[in-house]
């Protein structure tokens, strides 16, 4: 029986107990970026858009 991976295996799951501080910082930063530049079209967000596109191409549309 062939087994298929579902989801995004390249992304690691954080340890909520050990990583809560950094997760909150990243969540606040991500929320700020998306609220200011939803399409990641600003010059300062182009590298982020490219990284997302390369990691998730064919999986999601942004």
PDB file of N, CA and C in Angstrom:
ATOM      1  N   UNK A   1       0.847  -1.181   0.000  1.00  0.00           N
ATOM      2  CA  UNK A   1       0.000   0.000   0.000  1.00  0.00           C
ATOM      3  C   UNK A   1       0.889   1.239   0.000  1.00  0.00           C
ATOM      4  N   UNK A   2       0.670   2.121  -0.963  1.00  0.00           N
ATOM      5  CA  UNK A   2       1.453   3.345  -1.063  1.00  0.00           C
ATOM      6  C   UNK A   2       0.955   4.359  -0.043  1.00  0.00           C
ATOM      7  N   UNK A   3       1.890   5.009   0.614  1.00  0.00           N
ATOM      8  CA  UNK A   3       1.539   5.985   1.641  1.00  0.00           C
ATOM      9  C   UNK A   3       1.851   7.377   1.130  1.00  0.00           C
ATOM     10  N   UNK A   4       0.912   8.302   1.276  1.00  0.00           N
ATOM     11  CA  UNK A   4       1.095   9.677   0.834  1.00  0.00           C
ATOM     12  C   UNK A   4       1.184  10.599   2.041  1.00  0.00           C
ATOM     13  N   UNK A   5       2.138  11.518   1.972  1.00  0.00           N
ATOM     14  CA  UNK A   5       2.223  12.535   3.022  1.00  0.00           C
ATOM     15  C   UNK A   5       1.170  13.597   2.783  1.00  0.00           C
ATOM     16  N   UNK A   6       0.533  14.015   3.826  1.00  0.00           N
ATOM     17  CA  UNK A   6      -0.458  15.076   3.749  1.00  0.00           C
ATOM     18  C   UNK A   6       0.062  16.231   4.593  1.00  0.00           C
ATOM     19  N   UNK A   7      -0.074  17.425   4.088  1.00  0.00           N
ATOM     20  CA  UNK A   7       0.383  18.589   4.837  1.00  0.00           C
ATOM     21  C   UNK A   7       1.687  19.121   4.303  1.00  0.00           C
ATOM     22  N   UNK A   8       2.420  19.777   5.157  1.00  0.00           N
ATOM     23  CA  UNK A   8       3.666  20.432   4.776  1.00  0.00           C
ATOM     24  C   UNK A   8       4.792  19.827   5.602  1.00  0.00           C
ATOM     25  N   UNK A   9       5.410  18.762   5.133  1.00  0.00           N
ATOM     26  CA  UNK A   9       6.413  18.069   5.934  1.00  0.00           C
ATOM     27  C   UNK A   9       7.678  18.877   6.202  1.00  0.00           C
ATOM     28  N   UNK A  10       8.002  19.882   5.356  1.00  0.00           N
ATOM     29  CA  UNK A  10       9.221  20.665   5.581  1.00  0.00           C
ATOM     30  C   UNK A  10       9.111  21.564   6.803  1.00  0.00           C
ATOM     31  N   UNK A  11       7.890  21.851   7.228  1.00  0.00           N
ATOM     32  CA  UNK A  11       7.694  22.738   8.365  1.00  0.00           C
ATOM     33  C   UNK A  11       7.665  21.906   9.641  1.00  0.00           C
ATOM     34  N   UNK A  12       8.450  22.306  10.592  1.00  0.00           N
ATOM     35  CA  UNK A  12       8.523  21.574  11.841  1.00  0.00           C
ATOM     36  C   UNK A  12       7.509  22.135  12.831  1.00  0.00           C
ATOM     37  N   UNK A  13       7.056  21.312  13.698  1.00  0.00           N
ATOM     38  CA  UNK A  13       6.116  21.709  14.742  1.00  0.00           C
ATOM     39  C   UNK A  13       6.931  22.242  15.916  1.00  0.00           C
ATOM     40  N   UNK A  14       6.487  23.359  16.470  1.00  0.00           N
ATOM     41  CA  UNK A  14       7.171  23.949  17.620  1.00  0.00           C
ATOM     42  C   UNK A  14       6.734  23.258  18.904  1.00  0.00           C
ATOM     43  N   UNK A  15       7.560  23.341  19.894  1.00  0.00           N
ATOM     44  CA  UNK A  15       7.204  22.891  21.231  1.00  0.00           C
ATOM     45  C   UNK A  15       6.567  24.087  21.935  1.00  0.00           C
ATOM     46  N   UNK A  16       5.268  24.015  22.186  1.00  0.00           N
ATOM     47  CA  UNK A  16       4.550  25.166  22.740  1.00  0.00           C
ATOM     48  C   UNK A  16       5.091  25.601  24.090  1.00  0.00           C
ATOM     49  N   UNK A  17       5.570  24.681  24.892  1.00  0.00           N
ATOM     50  CA  UNK A  17       6.085  25.032  26.204  1.00  0.00           C
ATOM     51  C   UNK A  17       7.435  25.735  26.115  1.00  0.00           C
ATOM     52  N   UNK A  18       8.285  25.275  25.218  1.00  0.00           N
ATOM     53  CA  UNK A  18       9.624  25.850  25.102  1.00  0.00           C
ATOM     54  C   UNK A  18       9.670  27.073  24.193  1.00  0.00           C
ATOM     55  N   UNK A  19       8.790  27.131  23.205  1.00  0.00           N
ATOM     56  CA  UNK A  19       8.896  28.133  22.153  1.00  0.00           C
ATOM     57  C   UNK A  19       7.824  29.215  22.184  1.00  0.00           C
ATOM     58  N   UNK A  20       7.041  29.294  23.249  1.00  0.00           N
ATOM     59  CA  UNK A  20       5.899  30.211  23.283  1.00  0.00           C
ATOM     60  C   UNK A  20       6.319  31.667  23.062  1.00  0.00           C
ATOM     61  N   UNK A  21       7.425  32.104  23.630  1.00  0.00           N
ATOM     62  CA  UNK A  21       7.845  33.511  23.482  1.00  0.00           C
ATOM     63  C   UNK A  21       8.128  33.847  22.020  1.00  0.00           C
ATOM     64  N   UNK A  22       8.901  33.017  21.347  1.00  0.00           N
ATOM     65  CA  UNK A  22       9.238  33.292  19.951  1.00  0.00           C
ATOM     66  C   UNK A  22       8.013  33.129  19.063  1.00  0.00           C
ATOM     67  N   UNK A  23       7.134  32.187  19.385  1.00  0.00           N
ATOM     68  CA  UNK A  23       5.914  32.017  18.599  1.00  0.00           C
ATOM     69  C   UNK A  23       5.026  33.254  18.680  1.00  0.00           C
ATOM     70  N   UNK A  24       4.938  33.863  19.853  1.00  0.00           N
ATOM     71  CA  UNK A  24       4.142  35.084  20.001  1.00  0.00           C
ATOM     72  C   UNK A  24       4.758  36.246  19.227  1.00  0.00           C
ATOM     73  N   UNK A  25       6.075  36.355  19.245  1.00  0.00           N
ATOM     74  CA  UNK A  25       6.763  37.404  18.490  1.00  0.00           C
ATOM     75  C   UNK A  25       6.508  37.226  16.999  1.00  0.00           C
ATOM     76  N   UNK A  26       6.660  36.005  16.512  1.00  0.00           N
ATOM     77  CA  UNK A  26       6.464  35.720  15.093  1.00  0.00           C
ATOM     78  C   UNK A  26       5.010  35.942  14.690  1.00  0.00           C
ATOM     79  N   UNK A  27       4.080  35.541  15.537  1.00  0.00           N
ATOM     80  CA  UNK A  27       2.665  35.751  15.235  1.00  0.00           C
ATOM     81  C   UNK A  27       2.357  37.244  15.121  1.00  0.00           C
ATOM     82  N   UNK A  28       2.871  38.042  16.052  1.00  0.00           N
ATOM     83  CA  UNK A  28       2.642  39.495  16.003  1.00  0.00           C
ATOM     84  C   UNK A  28       3.267  40.110  14.760  1.00  0.00           C
ATOM     85  N   UNK A  29       4.453  39.684  14.407  1.00  0.00           N
ATOM     86  CA  UNK A  29       5.129  40.190  13.219  1.00  0.00           C
ATOM     87  C   UNK A  29       4.369  39.810  11.957  1.00  0.00           C
ATOM     88  N   UNK A  30       3.956  38.551  11.862  1.00  0.00           N
ATOM     89  CA  UNK A  30       3.207  38.091  10.685  1.00  0.00           C
ATOM     90  C   UNK A  30       1.893  38.852  10.555  1.00  0.00           C
ATOM     91  N   UNK A  31       1.197  39.055  11.658  1.00  0.00           N
ATOM     92  CA  UNK A  31      -0.061  39.802  11.642  1.00  0.00           C
ATOM     93  C   UNK A  31       0.168  41.229  11.171  1.00  0.00           C
ATOM     94  N   UNK A  32       1.236  41.849  11.639  1.00  0.00           N
ATOM     95  CA  UNK A  32       1.572  43.213  11.240  1.00  0.00           C
ATOM     96  C   UNK A  32       1.890  43.294   9.752  1.00  0.00           C
ATOM     97  N   UNK A  33       2.692  42.372   9.260  1.00  0.00           N
ATOM     98  CA  UNK A  33       3.055  42.364   7.834  1.00  0.00           C
ATOM     99  C   UNK A  33       1.814  42.197   6.968  1.00  0.00           C
ATOM    100  N   UNK A  34       0.973  41.245   7.291  1.00  0.00           N
ATOM    101  CA  UNK A  34      -0.218  40.978   6.483  1.00  0.00           C
ATOM    102  C   UNK A  34      -1.212  42.132   6.556  1.00  0.00           C
ATOM    103  N   UNK A  35      -1.342  42.771   7.710  1.00  0.00           N
ATOM    104  CA  UNK A  35      -2.283  43.896   7.811  1.00  0.00           C
ATOM    105  C   UNK A  35      -1.812  45.096   6.998  1.00  0.00           C
ATOM    106  N   UNK A  36      -0.502  45.251   6.830  1.00  0.00           N
ATOM    107  CA  UNK A  36       0.044  46.373   6.073  1.00  0.00           C
ATOM    108  C   UNK A  36       0.249  46.056   4.589  1.00  0.00           C
ATOM    109  N   UNK A  37       0.425  44.773   4.255  1.00  0.00           N
ATOM    110  CA  UNK A  37       0.763  44.396   2.885  1.00  0.00           C
ATOM    111  C   UNK A  37       0.249  42.984   2.606  1.00  0.00           C
ATOM    112  N   UNK A  38      -1.046  42.861   2.475  1.00  0.00           N
ATOM    113  CA  UNK A  38      -1.702  41.563   2.345  1.00  0.00           C
ATOM    114  C   UNK A  38      -1.139  40.731   1.186  1.00  0.00           C
ATOM    115  N   UNK A  39      -0.795  41.356   0.086  1.00  0.00           N
ATOM    116  CA  UNK A  39      -0.271  40.635  -1.067  1.00  0.00           C
ATOM    117  C   UNK A  39       1.238  40.493  -1.079  1.00  0.00           C
ATOM    118  N   UNK A  40       1.896  40.962  -0.023  1.00  0.00           N
ATOM    119  CA  UNK A  40       3.363  40.953   0.069  1.00  0.00           C
ATOM    120  C   UNK A  40       3.988  41.591  -1.161  1.00  0.00           C
ATOM    121  N   UNK A  41       3.471  42.751  -1.526  1.00  0.00           N
ATOM    122  CA  UNK A  41       3.932  43.453  -2.722  1.00  0.00           C
ATOM    123  C   UNK A  41       4.957  44.547  -2.439  1.00  0.00           C
ATOM    124  N   UNK A  42       5.078  44.983  -1.203  1.00  0.00           N
ATOM    125  CA  UNK A  42       6.067  46.009  -0.866  1.00  0.00           C
ATOM    126  C   UNK A  42       7.476  45.451  -1.072  1.00  0.00           C
ATOM    127  N   UNK A  43       8.394  46.342  -1.398  1.00  0.00           N
ATOM    128  CA  UNK A  43       9.779  45.948  -1.658  1.00  0.00           C
ATOM    129  C   UNK A  43      10.350  45.151  -0.485  1.00  0.00           C
ATOM    130  N   UNK A  44      10.090  45.594   0.727  1.00  0.00           N
ATOM    131  CA  UNK A  44      10.661  44.934   1.898  1.00  0.00           C
ATOM    132  C   UNK A  44      10.074  43.542   2.151  1.00  0.00           C
ATOM    133  N   UNK A  45       8.985  43.202   1.466  1.00  0.00           N
ATOM    134  CA  UNK A  45       8.364  41.894   1.656  1.00  0.00           C
ATOM    135  C   UNK A  45       8.547  40.960   0.463  1.00  0.00           C
ATOM    136  N   UNK A  46       9.298  41.394  -0.552  1.00  0.00           N
ATOM    137  CA  UNK A  46       9.488  40.583  -1.749  1.00  0.00           C
ATOM    138  C   UNK A  46      10.230  39.277  -1.470  1.00  0.00           C
ATOM    139  N   UNK A  47      11.246  39.312  -0.618  1.00  0.00           N
ATOM    140  CA  UNK A  47      11.984  38.085  -0.293  1.00  0.00           C
ATOM    141  C   UNK A  47      11.081  37.103   0.447  1.00  0.00           C
ATOM    142  N   UNK A  48      10.244  37.614   1.331  1.00  0.00           N
ATOM    143  CA  UNK A  48       9.301  36.759   2.047  1.00  0.00           C
ATOM    144  C   UNK A  48       8.319  36.118   1.077  1.00  0.00           C
ATOM    145  N   UNK A  49       7.800  36.910   0.152  1.00  0.00           N
ATOM    146  CA  UNK A  49       6.876  36.377  -0.860  1.00  0.00           C
ATOM    147  C   UNK A  49       7.566  35.294  -1.694  1.00  0.00           C
ATOM    148  N   UNK A  50       8.802  35.550  -2.099  1.00  0.00           N
ATOM    149  CA  UNK A  50       9.545  34.563  -2.876  1.00  0.00           C
ATOM    150  C   UNK A  50       9.780  33.273  -2.093  1.00  0.00           C
ATOM    151  N   UNK A  51      10.118  33.386  -0.827  1.00  0.00           N
ATOM    152  CA  UNK A  51      10.329  32.213   0.014  1.00  0.00           C
ATOM    153  C   UNK A  51       9.040  31.410   0.155  1.00  0.00           C
ATOM    154  N   UNK A  52       7.949  32.102   0.406  1.00  0.00           N
ATOM    155  CA  UNK A  52       6.655  31.424   0.529  1.00  0.00           C
ATOM    156  C   UNK A  52       6.306  30.733  -0.782  1.00  0.00           C
ATOM    157  N   UNK A  53       6.487  31.445  -1.885  1.00  0.00           N
ATOM    158  CA  UNK A  53       6.177  30.845  -3.193  1.00  0.00           C
ATOM    159  C   UNK A  53       7.025  29.610  -3.468  1.00  0.00           C
ATOM    160  N   UNK A  54       8.299  29.672  -3.135  1.00  0.00           N
ATOM    161  CA  UNK A  54       9.167  28.526  -3.416  1.00  0.00           C
ATOM    162  C   UNK A  54       8.846  27.333  -2.512  1.00  0.00           C
ATOM    163  N   UNK A  55       8.512  27.583  -1.280  1.00  0.00           N
ATOM    164  CA  UNK A  55       8.201  26.494  -0.343  1.00  0.00           C
ATOM    165  C   UNK A  55       6.831  25.886  -0.593  1.00  0.00           C
ATOM    166  N   UNK A  56       5.886  26.715  -1.011  1.00  0.00           N
ATOM    167  CA  UNK A  56       4.497  26.264  -1.087  1.00  0.00           C
ATOM    168  C   UNK A  56       3.932  26.262  -2.489  1.00  0.00           C
ATOM    169  N   UNK A  57       4.786  26.369  -3.505  1.00  0.00           N
ATOM    170  CA  UNK A  57       4.268  26.423  -4.878  1.00  0.00           C
ATOM    171  C   UNK A  57       3.433  25.179  -5.180  1.00  0.00           C
ATOM    172  N   UNK A  58       2.291  25.415  -5.743  1.00  0.00           N
ATOM    173  CA  UNK A  58       1.375  24.326  -6.065  1.00  0.00           C
ATOM    174  C   UNK A  58       0.514  23.876  -4.918  1.00  0.00           C
ATOM    175  N   UNK A  59       0.741  24.422  -3.735  1.00  0.00           N
ATOM    176  CA  UNK A  59      -0.034  24.002  -2.571  1.00  0.00           C
ATOM    177  C   UNK A  59      -1.071  25.024  -2.142  1.00  0.00           C
ATOM    178  N   UNK A  60      -0.703  26.319  -2.224  1.00  0.00           N
ATOM    179  CA  UNK A  60      -1.635  27.379  -1.850  1.00  0.00           C
ATOM    180  C   UNK A  60      -1.476  28.521  -2.823  1.00  0.00           C
ATOM    181  N   UNK A  61      -2.457  29.394  -2.863  1.00  0.00           N
ATOM    182  CA  UNK A  61      -2.370  30.604  -3.680  1.00  0.00           C
ATOM    183  C   UNK A  61      -2.396  31.799  -2.749  1.00  0.00           C
ATOM    184  N   UNK A  62      -1.407  32.703  -2.918  1.00  0.00           N
ATOM    185  CA  UNK A  62      -1.401  33.919  -2.103  1.00  0.00           C
ATOM    186  C   UNK A  62      -1.533  35.126  -2.986  1.00  0.00           C
TER     187      UNK A  62
END
